[in-house]
Protein backbone atom coordinates (compact mmCIF):
# COMPACT_ATOMS: atom_id res chain seq x y z
CA MET A 1 15.38 36.25 -7.61
CA PRO A 2 11.79 35.31 -8.48
CA LYS A 3 9.03 36.27 -6.06
CA HIS A 4 6.61 33.72 -4.61
CA HIS A 5 2.93 34.70 -4.82
CA LEU A 6 0.06 32.99 -2.98
CA LEU A 7 -3.02 33.13 -5.19
CA ASN A 8 -6.46 32.07 -3.96
CA THR A 9 -9.09 30.65 -6.32
CA ASN A 10 -12.47 30.85 -4.60
CA LYS A 11 -14.59 27.80 -5.40
CA LYS A 12 -17.80 29.82 -5.33
CA HIS A 13 -16.74 31.49 -8.59
CA LEU A 14 -16.22 28.19 -10.42
CA LYS A 15 -18.75 26.40 -12.56
CA GLU A 16 -20.95 23.80 -10.90
CA ASN A 17 -19.18 20.59 -9.80
CA ASN A 18 -15.75 22.04 -10.62
CA ASP A 19 -13.23 21.15 -7.89
CA GLY A 20 -10.85 23.90 -9.02
CA THR A 21 -8.62 21.88 -11.33
CA ALA A 22 -9.91 23.43 -14.56
CA ILE A 23 -7.56 26.35 -13.97
CA TYR A 24 -4.58 24.02 -14.21
CA ASP A 25 -5.78 22.45 -17.48
CA LEU A 26 -5.81 25.96 -18.99
CA ASP A 27 -2.23 26.58 -17.78
CA VAL A 28 -3.32 29.64 -15.83
CA ALA A 29 -3.84 30.89 -12.31
CA ALA A 30 -7.28 32.47 -12.05
CA THR A 31 -8.82 35.04 -9.74
CA TYR A 32 -11.92 37.23 -9.85
CA GLY A 33 -13.03 40.80 -9.13
CA GLY A 34 -14.48 44.03 -10.46
CA GLU A 35 -13.26 46.23 -13.31
CA ASP A 36 -10.73 48.09 -11.12
CA TYR A 37 -9.55 44.87 -9.49
CA ALA A 38 -6.12 44.86 -11.12
CA MET A 39 -5.32 48.30 -9.67
CA LYS A 40 -5.33 46.75 -6.18
CA LEU A 41 -2.68 44.13 -6.99
CA GLU A 42 1.04 44.60 -7.46
CA PRO A 43 2.55 43.33 -10.74
CA ILE A 44 3.33 39.66 -11.33
CA SER A 45 6.43 39.20 -13.46
CA GLU A 46 7.55 36.48 -15.83
CA GLY A 47 9.57 33.90 -13.90
CA ASP A 48 7.76 34.47 -10.58
CA ILE A 49 6.40 31.45 -8.72
CA ILE A 50 2.65 30.97 -8.15
CA LEU A 51 1.49 28.87 -5.19
CA SER A 52 -2.14 28.08 -5.95
CA TYR A 53 -4.63 27.86 -3.07
CA VAL A 54 -8.17 26.57 -3.68
CA ASN A 55 -10.56 27.99 -1.12
CA ARG A 56 -11.54 25.54 1.67
CA VAL A 57 -9.25 22.86 0.18
CA GLY A 58 -5.62 23.97 0.49
CA PHE A 59 -2.50 24.62 -1.60
CA ARG A 60 -2.70 22.37 -4.64
CA ALA A 61 -0.18 23.53 -7.23
CA VAL A 62 3.12 25.27 -7.85
CA GLY A 63 4.20 26.78 -11.17
CA ARG A 64 6.27 29.45 -12.87
CA VAL A 65 4.74 32.53 -14.58
CA THR A 66 5.45 32.32 -18.32
CA GLU A 67 4.53 35.87 -19.34
CA GLU A 68 4.14 39.15 -17.48
CA TRP A 69 0.60 39.68 -16.25
CA SER A 70 -1.19 42.36 -18.26
CA GLY A 71 -3.67 43.20 -15.51
CA GLU A 72 -6.52 42.93 -18.00
CA PRO A 73 -9.54 40.63 -17.49
CA VAL A 74 -10.12 37.67 -19.80
CA PRO A 75 -11.72 38.99 -23.03
CA GLU A 76 -15.21 37.89 -23.92
CA GLY A 77 -15.19 34.60 -25.85
CA GLU A 78 -11.90 33.29 -24.44
CA SER A 79 -11.68 30.22 -22.20
CA ARG A 80 -12.85 30.84 -18.65
CA VAL A 81 -13.20 28.58 -15.63
CA GLY A 82 -15.91 30.61 -13.88
CA PRO A 83 -19.32 32.05 -14.80
CA GLU A 84 -19.69 35.25 -16.81
CA GLN A 85 -19.56 37.49 -13.72
CA PRO A 86 -17.51 38.74 -11.98
CA HIS A 87 -14.53 39.62 -14.15
CA GLU A 88 -11.99 36.79 -14.45
CA TYR A 89 -8.25 37.44 -14.48
CA HIS A 90 -5.64 34.95 -15.72
CA VAL A 91 -1.93 34.68 -15.07
CA LYS A 92 -0.17 32.39 -17.56
CA VAL A 93 1.59 29.64 -15.60
CA ASP A 94 3.60 26.51 -16.41
CA TRP A 95 2.42 24.24 -13.58
CA GLU A 96 5.21 22.07 -12.22
CA ARG A 97 3.02 20.01 -9.90
CA VAL A 98 -0.70 19.71 -9.20
CA LEU A 99 -1.72 17.79 -6.09
CA PRO A 100 -4.95 15.78 -5.78
CA GLU A 101 -7.46 17.43 -3.44
CA SER A 102 -6.83 14.76 -0.81
CA GLU A 103 -3.12 15.69 -0.68
CA ALA A 104 -3.54 19.47 -0.64
CA ILE A 105 -1.45 21.32 1.96
CA ASN A 106 -3.92 22.91 4.39
CA ILE A 107 -3.60 26.47 5.62
CA GLU A 108 -2.30 25.39 9.05
CA GLN A 109 0.58 23.43 7.47
CA ALA A 110 1.28 26.26 5.06
CA ASN A 111 1.42 28.82 7.86
CA ARG A 112 4.11 26.78 9.59
CA LEU A 113 6.15 26.54 6.37
CA LEU A 114 5.74 30.26 5.71
CA ALA A 115 6.54 31.13 9.34
CA TYR A 116 3.23 32.99 9.63
CA ASP A 117 1.45 33.29 12.98
CA GLU A 118 -0.63 30.26 13.90
CA GLY A 119 -4.22 30.80 12.84
CA THR A 120 -3.43 33.27 10.03
CA PRO A 121 -6.57 32.95 7.85
CA ALA A 122 -6.62 32.22 4.13
CA ASN A 123 -8.47 35.45 3.37
CA PHE A 124 -6.05 36.63 0.72
CA THR A 125 -6.79 37.08 -2.97
CA ARG A 126 -3.12 37.31 -3.78
CA LYS A 127 -0.26 37.73 -1.34
CA THR A 128 3.45 38.08 -2.06
CA VAL A 129 5.68 36.14 0.33
CA SER A 130 8.23 38.60 1.71
CA ASP A 131 10.73 35.93 2.77
CA PRO A 132 12.07 34.10 -0.36
CA GLY A 133 13.21 31.18 1.80
CA ALA A 134 9.73 30.72 3.25
CA GLY A 135 8.16 30.79 -0.22
CA LYS A 136 10.63 28.16 -1.40
CA ARG A 137 9.79 25.92 1.60
CA LEU A 138 6.11 25.89 0.66
CA ALA A 139 6.90 25.47 -3.05
CA ASP A 140 9.15 22.49 -2.29
CA ALA A 141 6.47 20.94 -0.07
CA ILE A 142 3.98 21.11 -2.95
CA ARG A 143 6.53 19.78 -5.43
CA GLY A 144 7.28 16.67 -3.38
CA ARG A 145 8.74 14.11 -5.82
CA ARG A 146 7.61 16.19 -8.76
CA GLY A 147 10.87 18.12 -8.84
CA ASP A 148 12.31 15.34 -10.99
CA GLU A 149 9.01 14.27 -12.56
CA PRO A 150 9.81 11.89 -15.43
CA ASN A 151 8.38 11.75 -18.91
CA LEU A 152 6.00 8.85 -19.56
CA PHE A 153 6.19 6.88 -22.82
CA LEU A 154 3.71 4.27 -24.05
CA VAL A 155 5.66 1.67 -26.01
CA PRO A 156 4.13 -1.17 -28.09
CA ALA A 157 6.27 -4.31 -27.94
CA GLY A 158 5.04 -5.88 -31.21
CA ARG A 159 1.88 -7.95 -31.54
CA ASN A 160 3.67 -11.04 -32.86
CA SER A 161 7.16 -10.39 -31.53
CA ASP A 162 8.99 -12.15 -28.70
CA ASN A 163 11.29 -9.16 -28.14
CA LEU A 164 9.63 -8.29 -24.83
CA SER A 165 10.42 -11.72 -23.46
CA ARG A 166 13.87 -11.67 -25.04
CA THR A 167 15.26 -8.55 -23.32
CA VAL A 168 12.91 -7.41 -20.51
CA GLU A 169 11.42 -10.55 -18.99
CA ASN A 170 14.80 -12.24 -19.53
CA PRO A 171 17.50 -9.55 -19.10
CA VAL A 172 20.55 -9.52 -21.37
CA PRO A 173 23.74 -10.98 -19.80
CA LYS A 174 26.38 -8.37 -19.04
CA SER A 175 28.93 -10.55 -20.85
CA THR A 176 26.90 -10.22 -24.06
CA ILE A 177 26.78 -6.43 -23.73
CA LYS A 178 30.55 -6.22 -23.09
CA ASN A 179 31.25 -8.20 -26.25
CA HIS A 180 29.88 -5.29 -28.31
CA ASP A 181 32.17 -2.53 -27.02
CA SER A 182 29.52 -0.99 -24.85
CA THR A 183 30.48 2.30 -23.19
CA VAL A 184 27.88 1.89 -20.45
CA ASP A 185 29.10 1.39 -16.86
CA LEU A 186 27.48 -1.98 -16.15
CA ASP A 187 28.60 -1.96 -12.51
CA GLN A 188 25.65 0.31 -11.69
CA PHE A 189 23.30 -2.62 -12.35
CA GLU A 190 22.90 -5.41 -9.83
CA GLY A 191 23.30 -9.04 -10.89
CA ASP A 192 24.76 -10.54 -14.04
CA ALA A 193 22.19 -9.26 -16.53
CA VAL A 194 20.47 -6.00 -17.52
CA PRO A 195 16.92 -5.49 -18.88
CA VAL A 196 17.00 -3.42 -22.07
CA TRP A 197 14.70 -2.02 -24.73
CA GLY A 198 15.43 -0.15 -27.93
CA HIS A 199 14.31 1.42 -31.18
CA GLN A 200 15.45 1.77 -34.77
CA GLU A 201 15.58 5.57 -34.48
CA LYS A 202 16.91 7.93 -31.85
CA LYS A 203 14.15 8.93 -29.43
CA PRO A 204 14.02 11.81 -26.90
CA ILE A 205 14.43 9.43 -23.97
CA GLU A 206 16.31 10.69 -20.93
CA GLU A 207 17.58 9.20 -17.71
CA GLY A 208 14.71 8.71 -15.28
CA ASP A 209 11.94 8.50 -17.92
CA ILE A 210 9.34 5.75 -17.51
CA LEU A 211 8.38 3.29 -20.26
CA LEU A 212 5.05 1.42 -20.20
CA LEU A 213 5.56 -1.63 -22.44
CA TYR A 214 2.38 -2.72 -24.21
CA LYS A 215 1.45 -6.04 -25.80
CA GLY A 216 -1.73 -8.04 -26.36
CA GLY A 217 -4.19 -5.45 -25.06
CA GLU A 218 -2.28 -5.00 -21.79
CA TYR A 219 0.45 -2.71 -20.49
CA GLN A 220 2.64 -5.51 -19.22
CA TYR A 221 5.69 -3.80 -17.70
CA ALA A 222 6.83 -0.44 -16.39
CA ALA A 223 10.55 0.34 -16.31
CA GLU A 224 12.78 3.32 -15.63
CA VAL A 225 15.47 4.30 -18.16
CA VAL A 226 18.94 4.52 -16.59
CA VAL A 227 21.07 5.35 -19.62
CA THR A 228 20.86 5.22 -23.43
CA GLU A 229 23.44 4.10 -25.97
CA HIS A 230 23.81 3.73 -29.73
CA ASN A 231 25.08 0.17 -30.26
CA GLU A 232 24.08 -1.30 -33.61
CA SER A 233 25.90 -4.62 -33.25
CA LEU A 234 24.33 -5.32 -29.83
CA GLY A 235 20.89 -4.62 -31.26
CA GLN A 236 21.51 -7.05 -34.11
CA GLU A 237 22.39 -9.85 -31.69
CA ILE A 238 19.65 -9.53 -29.09
CA TRP A 239 16.59 -8.60 -31.19
CA VAL A 240 14.76 -10.11 -34.10
CA ALA A 241 13.61 -7.30 -36.41
CA GLU A 242 10.06 -7.66 -37.70
CA ASP A 243 10.55 -5.32 -40.67
CA GLY A 244 14.17 -5.95 -41.57
CA GLU A 245 15.49 -3.00 -39.55
CA ASN A 246 17.39 -3.64 -36.34
CA PHE A 247 17.04 -1.82 -33.02
CA GLU A 248 20.27 0.09 -32.66
CA HIS A 249 19.39 2.70 -30.00
CA ILE A 250 19.51 0.89 -26.65
CA PHE A 251 17.73 1.89 -23.42
CA TYR A 252 19.14 0.25 -20.29
CA LEU A 253 16.41 -0.22 -17.69
CA THR A 254 15.93 -0.60 -13.96
CA ASP A 255 13.01 -1.15 -11.58
CA VAL A 256 11.13 -3.34 -14.07
CA ARG A 257 7.68 -3.99 -12.63
CA LYS A 258 4.88 -6.25 -13.82
CA LEU A 259 1.65 -4.31 -14.37
CA ASP A 260 -2.02 -5.05 -13.97
CA LEU A 261 -3.25 -2.43 -16.44
CA SER A 262 -5.33 -2.90 -19.57
CA ARG A 263 -5.30 -0.54 -22.51
CA ARG A 264 -8.95 0.32 -21.76
CA GLU A 265 -8.07 1.31 -18.19
CA LEU A 266 -5.20 3.59 -19.21
CA ASP A 267 -7.31 5.13 -22.00
CA ALA A 268 -9.92 6.05 -19.37
CA ILE A 269 -7.29 7.56 -17.07
CA LEU A 270 -5.72 9.67 -19.86
CA ASP A 271 -9.05 10.40 -21.58
CA TYR A 272 -8.13 8.76 -24.89
CA ASP A 273 -10.99 7.67 -27.14
CA LEU A 274 -11.63 4.02 -27.98
CA SER A 275 -9.75 4.23 -31.30
CA PHE A 276 -6.45 5.21 -29.66
CA TYR A 277 -3.55 2.79 -30.06
CA PRO A 278 0.03 3.52 -28.91
CA THR A 279 2.52 3.67 -31.79
CA GLY A 280 6.28 4.08 -31.62
CA PHE A 281 7.03 5.92 -28.38
CA THR A 282 3.84 7.80 -27.50
CA ASN A 283 4.41 10.61 -24.99
CA PRO A 284 0.97 11.76 -23.71
CA GLN A 285 0.53 15.52 -23.98
CA GLU A 286 0.55 17.64 -20.83
CA PRO A 287 -3.26 17.99 -20.45
CA LYS A 288 -3.57 14.21 -20.41
CA LEU A 289 -0.61 13.75 -18.08
CA ASN A 290 -2.13 16.40 -15.81
CA ARG A 291 -5.23 14.20 -15.49
CA LEU A 292 -3.03 11.29 -14.43
CA ARG A 293 -1.09 13.47 -11.98
CA ARG A 294 -4.26 14.80 -10.37
CA LYS A 295 -5.67 11.30 -9.99
CA PHE A 296 -2.54 9.64 -8.60
CA GLY A 297 -0.17 12.43 -7.55
CA GLY A 298 2.53 11.75 -10.16
CA VAL A 299 3.99 9.24 -12.62
CA HIS A 300 5.90 7.31 -9.94
CA GLU A 301 2.81 7.12 -7.75
CA PHE A 302 0.75 5.94 -10.72
CA VAL A 303 3.16 3.08 -11.38
CA ASP A 304 3.06 2.16 -7.69
CA ARG A 305 -0.73 1.89 -7.86
CA VAL A 306 -0.98 -0.25 -11.01
CA ALA A 307 2.02 -2.52 -10.42
CA VAL A 308 1.29 -6.12 -9.47
CA SER A 309 1.97 -6.73 -5.79
CA ASP A 310 1.61 -9.66 -3.43
CA VAL A 311 -1.75 -9.30 -1.69
CA PRO A 312 -2.71 -11.28 1.42
CA ASP A 313 -5.35 -13.94 0.81
CA LEU A 314 -7.33 -12.17 3.54
CA TYR A 315 -7.98 -9.22 1.21
CA HIS A 316 -9.48 -11.44 -1.48
CA CYS A 317 -11.79 -12.93 1.18
CA ILE A 318 -12.83 -9.43 2.31
CA ALA A 319 -13.49 -8.43 -1.32
CA ASP A 320 -15.73 -11.48 -1.80
CA GLN A 321 -17.72 -10.55 1.30
CA LEU A 322 -18.09 -6.95 0.12
CA GLU A 323 -19.61 -8.16 -3.12
CA GLU A 324 -22.17 -10.14 -1.12
CA THR A 325 -23.01 -7.76 1.73
CA ASN A 326 -21.70 -4.29 0.74
CA GLN A 327 -19.98 -3.86 4.12
CA VAL A 328 -17.42 -5.50 6.37
CA VAL A 329 -16.94 -5.06 10.12
CA PHE A 330 -13.60 -5.88 11.74
CA HIS A 331 -13.90 -6.53 15.46
CA GLY A 332 -11.65 -7.67 18.28
CA PRO A 333 -9.40 -6.38 21.06
CA PRO A 334 -7.08 -3.41 20.46
CA GLY A 335 -3.77 -4.15 18.77
CA THR A 336 -4.93 -7.01 16.54
CA GLY A 337 -4.54 -5.16 13.22
CA LYS A 338 -8.11 -4.00 12.49
CA THR A 339 -7.23 -0.42 11.56
CA TYR A 340 -4.06 -1.47 9.73
CA HIS A 341 -5.87 -3.97 7.51
CA ALA A 342 -8.88 -1.67 6.97
CA GLN A 343 -6.65 1.08 5.60
CA ASN A 344 -4.42 -1.21 3.52
CA PHE A 345 -7.36 -3.17 2.14
CA SER A 346 -9.21 0.02 1.17
CA GLU A 347 -6.25 1.25 -0.91
CA TRP A 348 -5.87 -2.13 -2.61
CA TRP A 349 -9.62 -2.44 -3.24
CA ILE A 350 -9.93 0.99 -4.85
CA HIS A 351 -6.99 0.47 -7.16
CA GLN A 352 -8.22 -2.85 -8.44
CA ASN A 353 -10.22 -0.50 -10.69
CA PRO A 354 -7.66 2.18 -11.65
CA GLU A 355 -9.89 3.75 -14.30
CA THR A 356 -12.31 4.83 -11.54
CA VAL A 357 -9.73 6.63 -9.41
CA GLN A 358 -11.08 10.13 -8.83
CA GLU A 359 -9.64 13.55 -8.26
CA ASN A 360 -11.52 13.84 -4.98
CA ARG A 361 -10.99 11.61 -1.95
CA GLN A 362 -12.10 7.99 -2.02
CA THR A 363 -11.01 7.09 1.50
CA ARG A 364 -11.78 8.78 4.79
CA PHE A 365 -10.61 7.84 8.29
CA ILE A 366 -12.75 8.84 11.29
CA THR A 367 -12.14 8.34 14.99
CA PHE A 368 -15.28 8.35 17.15
CA HIS A 369 -15.29 9.96 20.59
CA PRO A 370 -18.05 10.27 23.23
CA SER A 371 -19.44 13.56 21.83
CA PHE A 372 -19.62 12.27 18.23
CA SER A 373 -23.35 12.17 17.39
CA TYR A 374 -25.56 10.73 14.65
CA GLU A 375 -25.87 14.26 13.26
CA ASP A 376 -22.08 14.52 13.07
CA PHE A 377 -21.85 11.23 11.19
CA VAL A 378 -24.91 11.21 8.85
CA GLU A 379 -26.90 14.46 8.94
CA GLY A 380 -29.26 16.43 11.16
CA LEU A 381 -30.50 19.81 12.28
CA THR A 382 -27.97 22.19 13.79
CA THR A 383 -28.64 25.47 15.58
CA LYS A 384 -26.91 28.70 14.67
CA SER A 385 -27.12 32.04 16.42
CA GLN A 386 -26.63 35.35 14.66
CA ASN A 387 -27.53 38.79 16.05
CA GLY A 388 -29.51 37.15 18.82
CA GLN A 389 -31.60 35.09 16.39
CA VAL A 390 -31.52 31.30 16.53
CA THR A 391 -31.98 29.42 13.25
CA TYR A 392 -32.11 25.73 12.43
CA GLU A 393 -30.31 24.35 9.40
CA MET A 394 -29.83 20.88 7.96
CA ASP A 395 -26.13 20.02 8.21
CA ARG A 396 -24.39 17.16 6.42
CA GLY A 397 -22.37 14.74 8.51
CA VAL A 398 -19.06 13.24 7.42
CA LEU A 399 -20.63 10.16 5.79
CA ARG A 400 -23.24 12.15 3.86
CA GLU A 401 -20.59 14.65 2.74
CA PHE A 402 -18.32 11.80 1.67
CA VAL A 403 -21.00 10.07 -0.42
CA ASP A 404 -22.00 13.37 -2.05
CA GLU A 405 -18.38 13.95 -3.10
CA ILE A 406 -18.22 10.47 -4.65
CA ARG A 407 -21.45 11.03 -6.58
CA LYS A 408 -20.11 14.21 -8.21
CA THR A 409 -17.52 12.31 -10.24
CA GLN A 410 -18.32 11.55 -13.87
CA PHE A 411 -17.20 8.00 -14.61
CA PRO A 412 -16.32 6.46 -17.99
CA LYS A 413 -19.19 4.63 -19.66
CA THR A 414 -17.24 1.40 -19.36
CA SER A 415 -17.13 1.73 -15.57
CA THR A 416 -19.95 0.07 -13.66
CA MET A 417 -18.77 0.61 -10.12
CA THR A 418 -16.47 2.76 -8.10
CA PRO A 419 -15.33 1.62 -4.70
CA ALA A 420 -15.18 4.10 -1.87
CA THR A 421 -14.11 3.29 1.63
CA CYS A 422 -14.63 4.86 4.99
CA SER A 423 -12.51 3.47 7.82
CA LEU A 424 -14.04 4.12 11.22
CA SER A 425 -12.34 3.69 14.55
CA THR A 426 -13.51 4.01 18.16
CA ARG A 427 -10.83 4.30 20.83
CA SER A 428 -12.65 2.40 23.56
CA THR A 429 -12.67 -1.21 24.71
CA VAL A 430 -13.69 -2.42 21.26
CA GLU A 431 -12.34 -0.87 18.05
CA THR A 432 -14.40 -1.15 14.87
CA SER A 433 -13.45 -0.49 11.28
CA ARG A 434 -16.01 -0.59 8.49
CA THR A 435 -15.65 -0.40 4.75
CA PHE A 436 -18.40 1.08 2.56
CA TRP A 437 -18.69 1.20 -1.20
CA GLU A 438 -21.30 2.41 -3.65
CA SER A 439 -22.55 0.49 -6.71
CA TRP A 440 -23.67 2.59 -9.66
């Protein structure tokens, strides 16, 4: 049975403005120490599970070791995520899931899952979990929905073709499919028709994969593949071939969702250059998908964020006011929906600009209480005592810290603004929620 290892990456060893995710792009777990560092650690074997903790953030990733750890530091000239000193050690890992910073599992939650004593500090460099069941609980918590993470395919629907309308916007009647000796169980689909897509050649599409259907500069639909079938005669009836070849490999779809996603926006999310154009069935490589996963949490979550949804007219009114005044204050008696709408609006407002979604947090919720001071909220001098000596230091409040995090992000040149929201709530006679955003 594989062992579960907790491995801590200390942020102080990373390059400036690195939030710790560079280690995942290199498909490694990284740690640091002196020349005899490896002698202090027990071996890590191929097939073991790494649970990656980023210092002062939380557990962010789970993955399987792909080759036995040599115990040797990274040779000079090879890719590193930290500065030249101290020595950097890599464990080769196939990361199954990487959480955004905002969704990291903090040490208190992890201690409960691992059945450790409350308050056990995260002062480990690497720790092997003695109870395999406890290690699996934490691994499963990090995996979330990622256990069955689908492949993502970018699919052009033909610049001058009406095939998208013919079989996705207007699903194919089940009676038509049955007329062509289909082997697919059509009872698993609701209604009298099934949305389908296809290709001339067999593609590595599996049940649960997600297709983003592209036409006219926009990704117009997302759909999940339920089952595939080779059915040449059905393809000949329902599609008009542009090049004389018929679609004969059929993909039966479910959960078809209209998207609000331009090619430019997805290129920015996946870090494609301006010349990129999807051809055939483009499956973004893992480093690019990892960017998307870190920004949104996963493929399913990404589709949720960019799918068209019914938005209350109120939110459009709030957005108009934000553009004029840069802030909005909701006021009124308790129980009238101020906090609810502040939180829901902030999520909608941010994801009107999906290319600006960051790997750090863009929303923060704060509840004021009587002892909450200006220094706690913005910044101010704080006193610290050590060895009988009192010193004064400038300490950042939650708002200042929040804005500094937002400013660290490097945005695409095409992006002119990133929204950030801070929802504030006071539990007294009047409750107030405010939304802030920065213009760049």
